[in-house]
C-alpha atoms as a PDB file:
ATOM      1  CA  UNK A   1     -46.246  15.178 -53.022  1.00  0.00           C
ATOM      2  CA  UNK A   2     -49.412  17.208 -53.196  1.00  0.00           C
ATOM      3  CA  UNK A   3     -50.117  20.100 -50.830  1.00  0.00           C
ATOM      4  CA  UNK A   4     -53.013  22.385 -50.339  1.00  0.00           C
ATOM      5  CA  UNK A   5     -50.713  25.296 -49.476  1.00  0.00           C
ATOM      6  CA  UNK A   6     -51.113  28.140 -51.970  1.00  0.00           C
ATOM      7  CA  UNK A   7     -47.834  29.085 -53.515  1.00  0.00           C
ATOM      8  CA  UNK A   8     -47.034  32.775 -53.249  1.00  0.00           C
ATOM      9  CA  UNK A   9     -46.413  34.495 -56.635  1.00  0.00           C
ATOM     10  CA  UNK A  10     -44.297  37.543 -56.820  1.00  0.00           C
ATOM     11  CA  UNK A  11     -45.771  40.609 -58.524  1.00  0.00           C
ATOM     12  CA  UNK A  12     -44.543  41.753 -61.859  1.00  0.00           C
ATOM     13  CA  UNK A  13     -44.237  45.522 -61.035  1.00  0.00           C
ATOM     14  CA  UNK A  14     -43.861  48.247 -63.621  1.00  0.00           C
ATOM     15  CA  UNK A  15     -40.120  48.647 -62.902  1.00  0.00           C
ATOM     16  CA  UNK A  16     -39.443  44.961 -63.546  1.00  0.00           C
ATOM     17  CA  UNK A  17     -41.768  44.853 -66.573  1.00  0.00           C
ATOM     18  CA  UNK A  18     -39.687  47.516 -68.280  1.00  0.00           C
ATOM     19  CA  UNK A  19     -36.857  45.145 -68.150  1.00  0.00           C
ATOM     20  CA  UNK A  20     -38.908  42.154 -69.349  1.00  0.00           C
ATOM     21  CA  UNK A  21     -40.607  43.630 -72.405  1.00  0.00           C
ATOM     22  CA  UNK A  22     -37.507  44.213 -74.678  1.00  0.00           C
ATOM     23  CA  UNK A  23     -36.080  40.829 -73.758  1.00  0.00           C
ATOM     24  CA  UNK A  24     -39.027  38.688 -74.591  1.00  0.00           C
ATOM     25  CA  UNK A  25     -37.934  37.855 -78.060  1.00  0.00           C
ATOM     26  CA  UNK A  26     -34.357  37.107 -76.994  1.00  0.00           C
ATOM     27  CA  UNK A  27     -35.581  34.772 -74.270  1.00  0.00           C
ATOM     28  CA  UNK A  28     -38.065  33.025 -76.527  1.00  0.00           C
ATOM     29  CA  UNK A  29     -36.415  32.618 -79.946  1.00  0.00           C
ATOM     30  CA  UNK A  30     -38.917  29.987 -80.946  1.00  0.00           C
ATOM     31  CA  UNK A  31     -41.817  32.480 -80.822  1.00  0.00           C
ATOM     32  CA  UNK A  32     -42.835  34.514 -83.821  1.00  0.00           C
ATOM     33  CA  UNK A  33     -42.635  38.316 -83.872  1.00  0.00           C
ATOM     34  CA  UNK A  34     -46.445  38.402 -83.808  1.00  0.00           C
ATOM     35  CA  UNK A  35     -46.522  36.283 -80.604  1.00  0.00           C
ATOM     36  CA  UNK A  36     -43.932  38.515 -78.925  1.00  0.00           C
ATOM     37  CA  UNK A  37     -46.156  41.556 -79.949  1.00  0.00           C
ATOM     38  CA  UNK A  38     -49.178  39.814 -78.446  1.00  0.00           C
ATOM     39  CA  UNK A  39     -47.253  39.048 -75.195  1.00  0.00           C
ATOM     40  CA  UNK A  40     -46.216  42.617 -74.820  1.00  0.00           C
ATOM     41  CA  UNK A  41     -49.727  43.905 -75.347  1.00  0.00           C
ATOM     42  CA  UNK A  42     -51.192  41.311 -72.960  1.00  0.00           C
ATOM     43  CA  UNK A  43     -48.486  41.938 -70.336  1.00  0.00           C
ATOM     44  CA  UNK A  44     -48.854  45.741 -70.277  1.00  0.00           C
ATOM     45  CA  UNK A  45     -52.721  45.499 -70.314  1.00  0.00           C
ATOM     46  CA  UNK A  46     -52.628  43.083 -67.419  1.00  0.00           C
ATOM     47  CA  UNK A  47     -50.371  45.154 -65.256  1.00  0.00           C
ATOM     48  CA  UNK A  48     -51.772  48.684 -66.032  1.00  0.00           C
ATOM     49  CA  UNK A  49     -55.323  47.505 -66.229  1.00  0.00           C
ATOM     50  CA  UNK A  50     -55.005  45.204 -63.239  1.00  0.00           C
ATOM     51  CA  UNK A  51     -56.530  42.418 -65.304  1.00  0.00           C
ATOM     52  CA  UNK A  52     -56.864  38.698 -64.608  1.00  0.00           C
ATOM     53  CA  UNK A  53     -55.317  36.562 -67.349  1.00  0.00           C
ATOM     54  CA  UNK A  54     -58.663  34.840 -67.879  1.00  0.00           C
ATOM     55  CA  UNK A  55     -60.082  38.233 -68.874  1.00  0.00           C
ATOM     56  CA  UNK A  56     -57.567  38.591 -71.642  1.00  0.00           C
ATOM     57  CA  UNK A  57     -57.266  35.225 -73.394  1.00  0.00           C
ATOM     58  CA  UNK A  58     -59.027  31.834 -73.876  1.00  0.00           C
ATOM     59  CA  UNK A  59     -57.905  28.746 -71.998  1.00  0.00           C
ATOM     60  CA  UNK A  60     -57.312  26.729 -75.183  1.00  0.00           C
ATOM     61  CA  UNK A  61     -55.124  27.476 -78.186  1.00  0.00           C
ATOM     62  CA  UNK A  62     -57.660  26.383 -80.787  1.00  0.00           C
ATOM     63  CA  UNK A  63     -60.985  27.090 -79.099  1.00  0.00           C
ATOM     64  CA  UNK A  64     -62.737  30.105 -77.496  1.00  0.00           C
ATOM     65  CA  UNK A  65     -66.020  30.855 -75.898  1.00  0.00           C
ATOM     66  CA  UNK A  66     -67.778  33.462 -78.018  1.00  0.00           C
ATOM     67  CA  UNK A  67     -69.937  34.505 -75.027  1.00  0.00           C
ATOM     68  CA  UNK A  68     -67.302  35.146 -72.440  1.00  0.00           C
ATOM     69  CA  UNK A  69     -63.936  35.527 -74.162  1.00  0.00           C
ATOM     70  CA  UNK A  70     -62.717  39.086 -74.985  1.00  0.00           C
ATOM     71  CA  UNK A  71     -62.621  39.726 -78.729  1.00  0.00           C
ATOM     72  CA  UNK A  72     -60.523  42.134 -80.775  1.00  0.00           C
ATOM     73  CA  UNK A  73     -63.656  44.092 -81.456  1.00  0.00           C
ATOM     74  CA  UNK A  74     -63.935  44.784 -77.738  1.00  0.00           C
ATOM     75  CA  UNK A  75     -60.839  47.093 -77.882  1.00  0.00           C
ATOM     76  CA  UNK A  76     -61.427  50.730 -78.821  1.00  0.00           C
ATOM     77  CA  UNK A  77     -58.896  53.546 -79.054  1.00  0.00           C
ATOM     78  CA  UNK A  78     -59.703  57.187 -78.014  1.00  0.00           C
ATOM     79  CA  UNK A  79     -59.932  59.829 -79.280  1.00  0.00           C
ATOM     80  CA  UNK A  80     -58.822  57.937 -82.388  1.00  0.00           C
ATOM     81  CA  UNK A  81     -56.621  54.995 -83.380  1.00  0.00           C
ATOM     82  CA  UNK A  82     -54.405  57.425 -85.328  1.00  0.00           C
ATOM     83  CA  UNK A  83     -53.577  59.414 -82.146  1.00  0.00           C
ATOM     84  CA  UNK A  84     -54.750  57.334 -79.096  1.00  0.00           C
ATOM     85  CA  UNK A  85     -54.600  58.728 -75.616  1.00  0.00           C
ATOM     86  CA  UNK A  86     -56.186  55.579 -74.090  1.00  0.00           C
ATOM     87  CA  UNK A  87     -58.003  52.462 -75.049  1.00  0.00           C
ATOM     88  CA  UNK A  88     -60.908  50.558 -73.522  1.00  0.00           C
ATOM     89  CA  UNK A  89     -61.467  46.847 -73.237  1.00  0.00           C
ATOM     90  CA  UNK A  90     -64.889  45.540 -72.800  1.00  0.00           C
ATOM     91  CA  UNK A  91     -64.682  42.535 -70.449  1.00  0.00           C
ATOM     92  CA  UNK A  92     -67.620  40.210 -71.320  1.00  0.00           C
ATOM     93  CA  UNK A  93     -67.254  38.302 -67.992  1.00  0.00           C
ATOM     94  CA  UNK A  94     -64.917  38.215 -65.057  1.00  0.00           C
ATOM     95  CA  UNK A  95     -64.466  36.456 -61.742  1.00  0.00           C
ATOM     96  CA  UNK A  96     -66.719  38.895 -59.835  1.00  0.00           C
ATOM     97  CA  UNK A  97     -69.182  39.518 -62.618  1.00  0.00           C
ATOM     98  CA  UNK A  98     -71.437  36.433 -62.010  1.00  0.00           C
ATOM     99  CA  UNK A  99     -74.379  38.047 -63.851  1.00  0.00           C
ATOM    100  CA  UNK A 100     -72.256  38.839 -66.954  1.00  0.00           C
ATOM    101  CA  UNK A 101     -73.054  42.522 -67.036  1.00  0.00           C
ATOM    102  CA  UNK A 102     -69.582  43.184 -68.543  1.00  0.00           C
ATOM    103  CA  UNK A 103     -67.127  45.776 -67.506  1.00  0.00           C
ATOM    104  CA  UNK A 104     -65.279  48.566 -69.439  1.00  0.00           C
ATOM    105  CA  UNK A 105     -61.598  48.970 -68.569  1.00  0.00           C
ATOM    106  CA  UNK A 106     -59.689  52.115 -69.510  1.00  0.00           C
ATOM    107  CA  UNK A 107     -55.960  51.879 -70.087  1.00  0.00           C
ATOM    108  CA  UNK A 108     -53.998  55.157 -70.627  1.00  0.00           C
ATOM    109  CA  UNK A 109     -50.867  56.014 -72.529  1.00  0.00           C
ATOM    110  CA  UNK A 110     -47.952  56.613 -70.270  1.00  0.00           C
ATOM    111  CA  UNK A 111     -45.181  57.802 -72.666  1.00  0.00           C
ATOM    112  CA  UNK A 112     -42.779  55.327 -71.171  1.00  0.00           C
ATOM    113  CA  UNK A 113     -41.015  52.309 -72.687  1.00  0.00           C
ATOM    114  CA  UNK A 114     -43.785  50.032 -71.307  1.00  0.00           C
ATOM    115  CA  UNK A 115     -46.609  52.190 -72.561  1.00  0.00           C
ATOM    116  CA  UNK A 116     -49.686  49.931 -72.720  1.00  0.00           C
ATOM    117  CA  UNK A 117     -51.365  51.929 -75.444  1.00  0.00           C
ATOM    118  CA  UNK A 118     -48.386  51.716 -77.728  1.00  0.00           C
ATOM    119  CA  UNK A 119     -48.082  47.990 -77.084  1.00  0.00           C
ATOM    120  CA  UNK A 120     -51.796  47.291 -77.836  1.00  0.00           C
ATOM    121  CA  UNK A 121     -51.711  49.508 -80.912  1.00  0.00           C
ATOM    122  CA  UNK A 122     -48.751  47.652 -82.320  1.00  0.00           C
ATOM    123  CA  UNK A 123     -50.447  44.349 -81.607  1.00  0.00           C
ATOM    124  CA  UNK A 124     -53.673  45.490 -83.284  1.00  0.00           C
ATOM    125  CA  UNK A 125     -51.731  46.561 -86.332  1.00  0.00           C
ATOM    126  CA  UNK A 126     -50.082  43.064 -86.454  1.00  0.00           C
ATOM    127  CA  UNK A 127     -53.468  41.468 -86.016  1.00  0.00           C
ATOM    128  CA  UNK A 128     -55.394  43.493 -88.668  1.00  0.00           C
ATOM    129  CA  UNK A 129     -55.880  41.409 -91.790  1.00  0.00           C
ATOM    130  CA  UNK A 130     -54.291  38.317 -90.358  1.00  0.00           C
ATOM    131  CA  UNK A 131     -57.025  37.156 -88.007  1.00  0.00           C
ATOM    132  CA  UNK A 132     -60.789  37.252 -87.673  1.00  0.00           C
ATOM    133  CA  UNK A 133     -61.700  40.693 -86.233  1.00  0.00           C
ATOM    134  CA  UNK A 134     -64.592  39.045 -84.285  1.00  0.00           C
ATOM    135  CA  UNK A 135     -62.373  36.383 -82.810  1.00  0.00           C
ATOM    136  CA  UNK A 136     -60.334  36.424 -79.557  1.00  0.00           C
ATOM    137  CA  UNK A 137     -58.250  39.495 -78.892  1.00  0.00           C
ATOM    138  CA  UNK A 138     -54.997  37.479 -78.922  1.00  0.00           C
ATOM    139  CA  UNK A 139     -55.710  35.277 -81.895  1.00  0.00           C
ATOM    140  CA  UNK A 140     -52.331  34.725 -83.596  1.00  0.00           C
ATOM    141  CA  UNK A 141     -51.760  34.734 -87.426  1.00  0.00           C
ATOM    142  CA  UNK A 142     -51.223  30.995 -87.112  1.00  0.00           C
ATOM    143  CA  UNK A 143     -54.944  30.652 -86.188  1.00  0.00           C
ATOM    144  CA  UNK A 144     -54.187  29.620 -82.655  1.00  0.00           C
ATOM    145  CA  UNK A 145     -54.923  31.719 -79.526  1.00  0.00           C
ATOM    146  CA  UNK A 146     -52.290  32.996 -77.025  1.00  0.00           C
ATOM    147  CA  UNK A 147     -52.956  30.985 -73.871  1.00  0.00           C
ATOM    148  CA  UNK A 148     -52.029  31.318 -70.258  1.00  0.00           C
ATOM    149  CA  UNK A 149     -49.619  28.478 -70.544  1.00  0.00           C
ATOM    150  CA  UNK A 150     -47.654  30.031 -73.415  1.00  0.00           C
ATOM    151  CA  UNK A 151     -47.744  33.451 -71.663  1.00  0.00           C
ATOM    152  CA  UNK A 152     -46.487  32.145 -68.386  1.00  0.00           C
ATOM    153  CA  UNK A 153     -43.743  30.031 -69.986  1.00  0.00           C
ATOM    154  CA  UNK A 154     -42.488  33.033 -71.990  1.00  0.00           C
ATOM    155  CA  UNK A 155     -42.621  35.324 -68.930  1.00  0.00           C
ATOM    156  CA  UNK A 156     -40.598  32.776 -66.833  1.00  0.00           C
ATOM    157  CA  UNK A 157     -37.965  32.256 -69.463  1.00  0.00           C
ATOM    158  CA  UNK A 158     -37.413  35.981 -69.753  1.00  0.00           C
ATOM    159  CA  UNK A 159     -37.192  36.494 -66.018  1.00  0.00           C
ATOM    160  CA  UNK A 160     -34.615  33.729 -65.781  1.00  0.00           C
ATOM    161  CA  UNK A 161     -32.572  35.445 -68.587  1.00  0.00           C
ATOM    162  CA  UNK A 162     -32.654  38.558 -66.384  1.00  0.00           C
ATOM    163  CA  UNK A 163     -31.443  36.616 -63.363  1.00  0.00           C
ATOM    164  CA  UNK A 164     -34.720  36.143 -61.455  1.00  0.00           C
ATOM    165  CA  UNK A 165     -36.413  32.965 -60.203  1.00  0.00           C
ATOM    166  CA  UNK A 166     -38.886  32.484 -63.052  1.00  0.00           C
ATOM    167  CA  UNK A 167     -40.968  29.922 -61.128  1.00  0.00           C
ATOM    168  CA  UNK A 168     -41.775  32.564 -58.515  1.00  0.00           C
ATOM    169  CA  UNK A 169     -43.907  34.396 -61.181  1.00  0.00           C
ATOM    170  CA  UNK A 170     -47.061  33.402 -62.974  1.00  0.00           C
ATOM    171  CA  UNK A 171     -49.942  34.960 -64.868  1.00  0.00           C
ATOM    172  CA  UNK A 172     -51.414  36.311 -61.639  1.00  0.00           C
ATOM    173  CA  UNK A 173     -48.241  38.393 -61.204  1.00  0.00           C
ATOM    174  CA  UNK A 174     -49.674  40.955 -63.637  1.00  0.00           C
ATOM    175  CA  UNK A 175     -52.710  41.957 -61.590  1.00  0.00           C
ATOM    176  CA  UNK A 176     -50.734  41.849 -58.357  1.00  0.00           C
ATOM    177  CA  UNK A 177     -47.931  43.808 -59.957  1.00  0.00           C
ATOM    178  CA  UNK A 178     -50.293  46.562 -60.962  1.00  0.00           C
ATOM    179  CA  UNK A 179     -51.576  46.880 -57.458  1.00  0.00           C
ATOM    180  CA  UNK A 180     -48.193  46.896 -55.882  1.00  0.00           C
ATOM    181  CA  UNK A 181     -46.990  49.515 -58.439  1.00  0.00           C
ATOM    182  CA  UNK A 182     -49.806  51.780 -57.595  1.00  0.00           C
ATOM    183  CA  UNK A 183     -49.150  51.484 -53.887  1.00  0.00           C
ATOM    184  CA  UNK A 184     -45.473  52.244 -54.539  1.00  0.00           C
ATOM    185  CA  UNK A 185     -46.502  55.235 -56.522  1.00  0.00           C
ATOM    186  CA  UNK A 186     -48.359  56.586 -53.528  1.00  0.00           C
ATOM    187  CA  UNK A 187     -51.930  55.610 -54.207  1.00  0.00           C
ATOM    188  CA  UNK A 188     -54.138  54.427 -51.445  1.00  0.00           C
ATOM    189  CA  UNK A 189     -56.432  51.341 -50.995  1.00  0.00           C
ATOM    190  CA  UNK A 190     -59.572  52.972 -52.458  1.00  0.00           C
ATOM    191  CA  UNK A 191     -57.999  53.824 -55.806  1.00  0.00           C
ATOM    192  CA  UNK A 192     -56.302  50.457 -56.010  1.00  0.00           C
ATOM    193  CA  UNK A 193     -59.508  48.730 -55.134  1.00  0.00           C
ATOM    194  CA  UNK A 194     -61.481  50.661 -57.769  1.00  0.00           C
ATOM    195  CA  UNK A 195     -58.982  50.203 -60.569  1.00  0.00           C
ATOM    196  CA  UNK A 196     -58.627  46.539 -59.746  1.00  0.00           C
ATOM    197  CA  UNK A 197     -62.397  45.946 -59.206  1.00  0.00           C
ATOM    198  CA  UNK A 198     -61.899  44.200 -55.864  1.00  0.00           C
ATOM    199  CA  UNK A 199     -65.294  43.800 -54.298  1.00  0.00           C
ATOM    200  CA  UNK A 200     -64.268  43.229 -50.725  1.00  0.00           C
ATOM    201  CA  UNK A 201     -66.010  46.464 -49.730  1.00  0.00           C
ATOM    202  CA  UNK A 202     -69.464  46.804 -51.207  1.00  0.00           C
ATOM    203  CA  UNK A 203     -69.642  50.617 -51.110  1.00  0.00           C
ATOM    204  CA  UNK A 204     -67.033  50.811 -53.863  1.00  0.00           C
ATOM    205  CA  UNK A 205     -69.684  49.571 -56.304  1.00  0.00           C
ATOM    206  CA  UNK A 206     -71.381  52.967 -56.046  1.00  0.00           C
ATOM    207  CA  UNK A 207     -68.299  54.949 -56.931  1.00  0.00           C
ATOM    208  CA  UNK A 208     -67.230  55.873 -60.489  1.00  0.00           C
ATOM    209  CA  UNK A 209     -63.585  56.297 -61.392  1.00  0.00           C
ATOM    210  CA  UNK A 210     -62.990  59.409 -63.570  1.00  0.00           C
ATOM    211  CA  UNK A 211     -60.824  59.417 -66.705  1.00  0.00           C
ATOM    212  CA  UNK A 212     -58.618  62.059 -65.049  1.00  0.00           C
ATOM    213  CA  UNK A 213     -57.959  59.895 -61.903  1.00  0.00           C
ATOM    214  CA  UNK A 214     -57.402  56.750 -63.846  1.00  0.00           C
ATOM    215  CA  UNK A 215     -55.030  58.473 -66.253  1.00  0.00           C
ATOM    216  CA  UNK A 216     -52.996  60.166 -63.461  1.00  0.00           C
ATOM    217  CA  UNK A 217     -52.779  56.974 -61.422  1.00  0.00           C
ATOM    218  CA  UNK A 218     -51.477  54.970 -64.472  1.00  0.00           C
ATOM    219  CA  UNK A 219     -48.978  57.755 -65.342  1.00  0.00           C
ATOM    220  CA  UNK A 220     -47.686  57.610 -61.790  1.00  0.00           C
ATOM    221  CA  UNK A 221     -47.302  53.804 -62.078  1.00  0.00           C
ATOM    222  CA  UNK A 222     -45.047  54.390 -65.110  1.00  0.00           C
ATOM    223  CA  UNK A 223     -42.726  56.519 -63.063  1.00  0.00           C
ATOM    224  CA  UNK A 224     -41.733  53.568 -60.839  1.00  0.00           C
ATOM    225  CA  UNK A 225     -38.182  52.941 -62.132  1.00  0.00           C
ATOM    226  CA  UNK A 226     -35.507  50.272 -61.384  1.00  0.00           C
ATOM    227  CA  UNK A 227     -35.420  49.603 -57.657  1.00  0.00           C
ATOM    228  CA  UNK A 228     -38.477  51.864 -57.129  1.00  0.00           C
ATOM    229  CA  UNK A 229     -40.399  49.092 -55.323  1.00  0.00           C
ATOM    230  CA  UNK A 230     -38.768  48.508 -51.946  1.00  0.00           C
ATOM    231  CA  UNK A 231     -38.628  45.282 -50.049  1.00  0.00           C
ATOM    232  CA  UNK A 232     -40.883  46.836 -47.391  1.00  0.00           C
ATOM    233  CA  UNK A 233     -43.568  47.590 -50.075  1.00  0.00           C
ATOM    234  CA  UNK A 234     -43.308  44.048 -51.378  1.00  0.00           C
ATOM    235  CA  UNK A 235     -43.739  42.705 -47.918  1.00  0.00           C
ATOM    236  CA  UNK A 236     -46.692  44.924 -47.034  1.00  0.00           C
ATOM    237  CA  UNK A 237     -48.633  44.513 -50.245  1.00  0.00           C
ATOM    238  CA  UNK A 238     -47.825  41.162 -51.895  1.00  0.00           C
ATOM    239  CA  UNK A 239     -50.558  39.299 -49.968  1.00  0.00           C
ATOM    240  CA  UNK A 240     -53.297  41.914 -50.214  1.00  0.00           C
ATOM    241  CA  UNK A 241     -54.160  41.545 -53.892  1.00  0.00           C
ATOM    242  CA  UNK A 242     -54.604  37.788 -54.319  1.00  0.00           C
ATOM    243  CA  UNK A 243     -58.102  37.513 -55.940  1.00  0.00           C
END
């Protein structure tokens, strides 16, 4: 039976992600080590960067759009790849970027077990020499691309292993999880809206997020430990970040 009712997806908050990341391989024994590394890099980028899954990977395993899909060359580490403090991702297009002006997202090291910089650096080391540097960011050594379907299936299997309802989560859980984690860490709507690039208030387009504020906000997200997101915070915020 088909319904027009939109199913609510639970957010993958940073406290839960810390449990998911080390169990991905165990829950998905059919996946290669390279695929697990790609999943970890994509997951941490999605949560800490408040990214849509479509901004990270192509829709098809064997094809990509060279105009809109994010490439490996769109990721840069600063101040250097040898000792990175943060990385940037150039998003060629996104849901709100109808004129394809592109966006530059900064993701900072957190020093925690779910550090997004460490995960992305590890993935890029895996990728180097095994895939076209000008190809999609998550092009696997097999020549196929990591897709939303593979990502969601792996995430759900891992959550089930951890005792959660896997079907309650999907790729959108990353972006929502980042927003809820920021709220739980004490950040207000303006910071969340700017980091997540929500366009519901037009004046936000004139504001610029500094490196200092973005770094401190993401460090605070990383401090949300097990049980750090209360049921009240889930209830208050889960429906606010659904773009």
